[in-house]
């Protein structure tokens, strides 16, 4: 019956409901919904929600500090360039 079928047209709960889907625009075969979960588990592992939130905040702070350091290094290089010139 159609009520026991999911959006892929396969029977609900069968092994074929998670069969690979090939995309016509790419030559890559993907599995529906499994990749985002795998990526999340790979990044956050066995962390609790509070740990994952703190980890994300630390990543954002680290990105900001790296940007500030890069700007400081550029400014330092500019000052060295100006110091080399003769007036």
N, C-alpha and C. Protein backbone atom coordinates (compact mmCIF):
# COMPACT_ATOMS: atom_id res chain seq x y z
N UNK A 1 0.84 -1.19 0.00
CA UNK A 1 0.00 0.00 0.00
C UNK A 1 0.88 1.25 0.00
N UNK A 2 0.33 2.34 -0.43
CA UNK A 2 1.11 3.57 -0.50
C UNK A 2 1.33 4.19 0.86
N UNK A 3 0.49 3.89 1.83
CA UNK A 3 0.67 4.48 3.16
C UNK A 3 1.87 3.87 3.88
N UNK A 4 2.33 2.70 3.47
CA UNK A 4 3.48 2.08 4.13
C UNK A 4 4.77 2.36 3.39
N UNK A 5 4.76 3.32 2.51
CA UNK A 5 5.97 3.65 1.75
C UNK A 5 6.46 5.04 2.13
N UNK A 6 7.78 5.20 2.13
CA UNK A 6 8.33 6.51 2.43
C UNK A 6 8.50 7.32 1.16
N UNK A 7 9.16 8.48 1.25
CA UNK A 7 9.27 9.38 0.11
C UNK A 7 10.12 8.81 -1.02
N UNK A 8 10.94 7.79 -0.74
CA UNK A 8 11.75 7.20 -1.80
C UNK A 8 11.00 6.11 -2.54
N UNK A 9 9.85 5.74 -2.06
CA UNK A 9 9.06 4.73 -2.73
C UNK A 9 9.39 3.33 -2.27
N UNK A 10 10.26 3.16 -1.30
CA UNK A 10 10.60 1.85 -0.77
C UNK A 10 9.79 1.59 0.47
N UNK A 11 9.72 0.36 0.88
CA UNK A 11 8.99 0.03 2.09
C UNK A 11 9.64 0.63 3.32
N UNK A 12 8.87 1.11 4.24
CA UNK A 12 9.39 1.73 5.46
C UNK A 12 10.08 0.68 6.30
N UNK A 13 11.28 1.00 6.77
CA UNK A 13 11.99 0.10 7.66
C UNK A 13 12.74 -1.02 6.96
N UNK A 14 12.71 -1.08 5.66
CA UNK A 14 13.45 -2.12 4.96
C UNK A 14 14.85 -1.64 4.68
N UNK A 15 15.72 -2.55 4.36
CA UNK A 15 17.11 -2.21 4.06
C UNK A 15 17.20 -1.36 2.80
N UNK A 16 16.24 -1.49 1.90
CA UNK A 16 16.29 -0.71 0.66
C UNK A 16 15.89 0.74 0.87
N UNK A 17 15.31 1.09 2.02
CA UNK A 17 14.94 2.49 2.24
C UNK A 17 16.18 3.36 2.44
N UNK A 18 17.33 2.77 2.71
CA UNK A 18 18.57 3.52 2.85
C UNK A 18 19.55 3.17 1.74
N UNK A 19 19.03 2.85 0.58
CA UNK A 19 19.89 2.52 -0.55
C UNK A 19 20.57 3.78 -1.06
N UNK A 20 21.73 3.63 -1.70
CA UNK A 20 22.46 4.80 -2.17
C UNK A 20 21.67 5.56 -3.24
N UNK A 21 21.86 6.87 -3.26
CA UNK A 21 21.21 7.71 -4.24
C UNK A 21 22.31 8.34 -5.07
N UNK A 22 22.28 8.13 -6.37
CA UNK A 22 23.29 8.76 -7.22
C UNK A 22 22.70 10.04 -7.78
N UNK A 23 23.51 11.09 -7.72
CA UNK A 23 23.06 12.39 -8.19
C UNK A 23 23.47 12.54 -9.64
N UNK A 24 22.55 13.03 -10.48
CA UNK A 24 22.89 13.16 -11.90
C UNK A 24 23.95 14.22 -12.16
N UNK A 25 24.05 15.27 -11.30
CA UNK A 25 25.02 16.33 -11.54
C UNK A 25 26.41 15.98 -11.03
N UNK A 26 26.53 14.94 -10.22
CA UNK A 26 27.83 14.53 -9.69
C UNK A 26 28.00 13.03 -9.89
N UNK A 27 29.23 12.61 -9.85
CA UNK A 27 29.50 11.18 -9.98
C UNK A 27 29.65 10.54 -8.61
N UNK A 28 29.16 11.20 -7.57
CA UNK A 28 29.29 10.73 -6.20
C UNK A 28 28.00 10.05 -5.76
N UNK A 29 28.13 8.94 -5.10
CA UNK A 29 26.97 8.26 -4.55
C UNK A 29 26.89 8.61 -3.08
N UNK A 30 25.74 9.11 -2.64
CA UNK A 30 25.57 9.50 -1.25
C UNK A 30 24.44 8.70 -0.62
N UNK A 31 24.45 8.65 0.69
CA UNK A 31 23.38 8.00 1.42
C UNK A 31 22.54 9.08 2.08
N UNK A 32 21.24 9.02 1.95
CA UNK A 32 20.39 10.07 2.49
C UNK A 32 20.54 10.21 4.00
N UNK A 33 20.76 11.42 4.47
CA UNK A 33 20.76 11.80 5.88
C UNK A 33 21.90 11.20 6.70
N UNK A 34 22.72 10.34 6.18
CA UNK A 34 23.76 9.75 7.01
C UNK A 34 24.99 10.64 7.09
N UNK A 35 25.30 11.40 6.05
CA UNK A 35 26.51 12.21 6.03
C UNK A 35 26.50 13.33 7.06
N UNK A 36 25.42 14.12 7.18
CA UNK A 36 25.44 15.17 8.20
C UNK A 36 25.61 14.62 9.61
N UNK A 37 24.98 13.50 9.90
CA UNK A 37 25.11 12.90 11.22
C UNK A 37 26.54 12.42 11.44
N UNK A 38 27.15 11.82 10.42
CA UNK A 38 28.53 11.37 10.53
C UNK A 38 29.45 12.56 10.79
N UNK A 39 29.24 13.66 10.06
CA UNK A 39 30.08 14.85 10.25
C UNK A 39 29.92 15.41 11.64
N UNK A 40 28.68 15.44 12.14
CA UNK A 40 28.44 15.96 13.48
C UNK A 40 29.13 15.09 14.52
N UNK A 41 29.01 13.77 14.40
CA UNK A 41 29.65 12.88 15.36
C UNK A 41 31.17 12.97 15.27
N UNK A 42 31.69 13.15 14.06
CA UNK A 42 33.14 13.27 13.89
C UNK A 42 33.66 14.53 14.57
N UNK A 43 32.91 15.63 14.48
CA UNK A 43 33.37 16.88 15.05
C UNK A 43 33.14 16.93 16.56
N UNK A 44 31.98 16.52 17.03
CA UNK A 44 31.65 16.68 18.43
C UNK A 44 31.77 15.41 19.26
N UNK A 45 31.93 14.26 18.63
CA UNK A 45 32.16 13.00 19.33
C UNK A 45 31.17 12.73 20.44
N UNK A 46 31.66 12.42 21.62
CA UNK A 46 30.80 12.09 22.73
C UNK A 46 30.55 13.26 23.66
N UNK A 47 30.63 14.48 23.15
CA UNK A 47 30.44 15.65 23.99
C UNK A 47 28.98 15.80 24.40
N UNK A 48 28.79 16.41 25.54
CA UNK A 48 27.44 16.77 25.96
C UNK A 48 27.10 18.11 25.30
N UNK A 49 25.84 18.50 25.40
CA UNK A 49 25.39 19.73 24.74
C UNK A 49 26.14 20.95 25.23
N UNK A 50 26.39 21.04 26.54
CA UNK A 50 27.11 22.19 27.09
C UNK A 50 28.54 22.24 26.56
N UNK A 51 29.17 21.07 26.48
CA UNK A 51 30.54 21.01 25.97
C UNK A 51 30.59 21.42 24.50
N UNK A 52 29.61 20.97 23.73
CA UNK A 52 29.58 21.30 22.30
C UNK A 52 29.37 22.80 22.11
N UNK A 53 28.53 23.41 22.94
CA UNK A 53 28.30 24.85 22.86
C UNK A 53 29.57 25.62 23.21
N UNK A 54 30.24 25.20 24.27
CA UNK A 54 31.49 25.85 24.67
C UNK A 54 32.56 25.68 23.59
N UNK A 55 32.61 24.50 22.99
CA UNK A 55 33.57 24.22 21.92
C UNK A 55 33.33 25.16 20.73
N UNK A 56 32.07 25.35 20.36
CA UNK A 56 31.74 26.25 19.26
C UNK A 56 32.12 27.68 19.59
N UNK A 57 31.85 28.11 20.83
CA UNK A 57 32.23 29.46 21.24
C UNK A 57 33.75 29.64 21.20
N UNK A 58 34.48 28.63 21.64
CA UNK A 58 35.95 28.70 21.60
C UNK A 58 36.47 28.74 20.17
N UNK A 59 35.83 27.99 19.28
CA UNK A 59 36.23 28.04 17.87
C UNK A 59 36.02 29.44 17.30
N UNK A 60 34.88 30.06 17.63
CA UNK A 60 34.61 31.42 17.14
C UNK A 60 35.62 32.42 17.71
N UNK A 61 35.94 32.30 18.99
CA UNK A 61 36.93 33.18 19.61
C UNK A 61 38.30 32.97 18.97
N UNK A 62 38.65 31.73 18.70
CA UNK A 62 39.92 31.43 18.07
C UNK A 62 40.00 32.05 16.68
N UNK A 63 38.92 31.99 15.92
CA UNK A 63 38.90 32.59 14.59
C UNK A 63 39.11 34.10 14.68
N UNK A 64 38.47 34.74 15.67
CA UNK A 64 38.64 36.18 15.86
C UNK A 64 40.08 36.52 16.21
N UNK A 65 40.68 35.75 17.12
CA UNK A 65 42.06 36.00 17.51
C UNK A 65 43.03 35.78 16.34
N UNK A 66 42.77 34.80 15.51
CA UNK A 66 43.61 34.57 14.33
C UNK A 66 43.51 35.75 13.37
N UNK A 67 42.31 36.29 13.22
CA UNK A 67 42.12 37.45 12.34
C UNK A 67 42.88 38.66 12.89
N UNK A 68 42.77 38.89 14.20
CA UNK A 68 43.49 40.00 14.82
C UNK A 68 45.00 39.85 14.68
N UNK A 69 45.50 38.63 14.85
CA UNK A 69 46.93 38.38 14.70
C UNK A 69 47.38 38.65 13.27
N UNK A 70 46.58 38.22 12.31
CA UNK A 70 46.94 38.45 10.91
C UNK A 70 46.99 39.95 10.61
N UNK A 71 46.03 40.70 11.14
CA UNK A 71 46.04 42.16 10.94
C UNK A 71 47.26 42.79 11.58
N UNK A 72 47.63 42.33 12.78
CA UNK A 72 48.81 42.87 13.46
C UNK A 72 50.08 42.56 12.68
N UNK A 73 50.16 41.37 12.12
CA UNK A 73 51.34 41.00 11.32
C UNK A 73 51.43 41.86 10.07
N UNK A 74 50.29 42.14 9.43
CA UNK A 74 50.31 43.02 8.26
C UNK A 74 50.76 44.42 8.62
N UNK A 75 50.26 44.93 9.74
CA UNK A 75 50.65 46.26 10.19
C UNK A 75 52.15 46.31 10.51
N UNK A 76 52.66 45.25 11.13
CA UNK A 76 54.09 45.18 11.45
C UNK A 76 54.92 45.17 10.17
N UNK A 77 54.47 44.43 9.16
CA UNK A 77 55.19 44.37 7.89
C UNK A 77 55.17 45.73 7.20
N UNK A 78 54.04 46.43 7.28
CA UNK A 78 53.95 47.77 6.70
C UNK A 78 54.92 48.73 7.39
N UNK A 79 54.99 48.66 8.72
CA UNK A 79 55.90 49.54 9.45
C UNK A 79 57.36 49.24 9.11
N UNK A 80 57.70 47.98 8.92
CA UNK A 80 59.06 47.63 8.52
C UNK A 80 59.38 48.19 7.13
N UNK A 81 58.38 48.12 6.24
CA UNK A 81 58.56 48.66 4.89
C UNK A 81 58.77 50.16 4.92
N UNK A 82 58.01 50.85 5.76
CA UNK A 82 58.16 52.30 5.89
C UNK A 82 59.53 52.64 6.50
N UNK A 83 59.99 51.85 7.45
CA UNK A 83 61.27 52.10 8.10
C UNK A 83 62.45 51.91 7.14
N UNK A 84 62.28 51.05 6.14
CA UNK A 84 63.36 50.81 5.17
C UNK A 84 63.56 51.97 4.22
N UNK A 85 62.49 52.74 3.97
CA UNK A 85 62.57 53.85 3.04
C UNK A 85 63.43 54.97 3.61
N UNK A 86 64.09 55.69 2.70
CA UNK A 86 64.88 56.84 3.13
C UNK A 86 64.06 58.08 2.89
N UNK A 87 64.10 58.98 3.84
CA UNK A 87 63.33 60.23 3.70
C UNK A 87 64.21 61.33 3.23
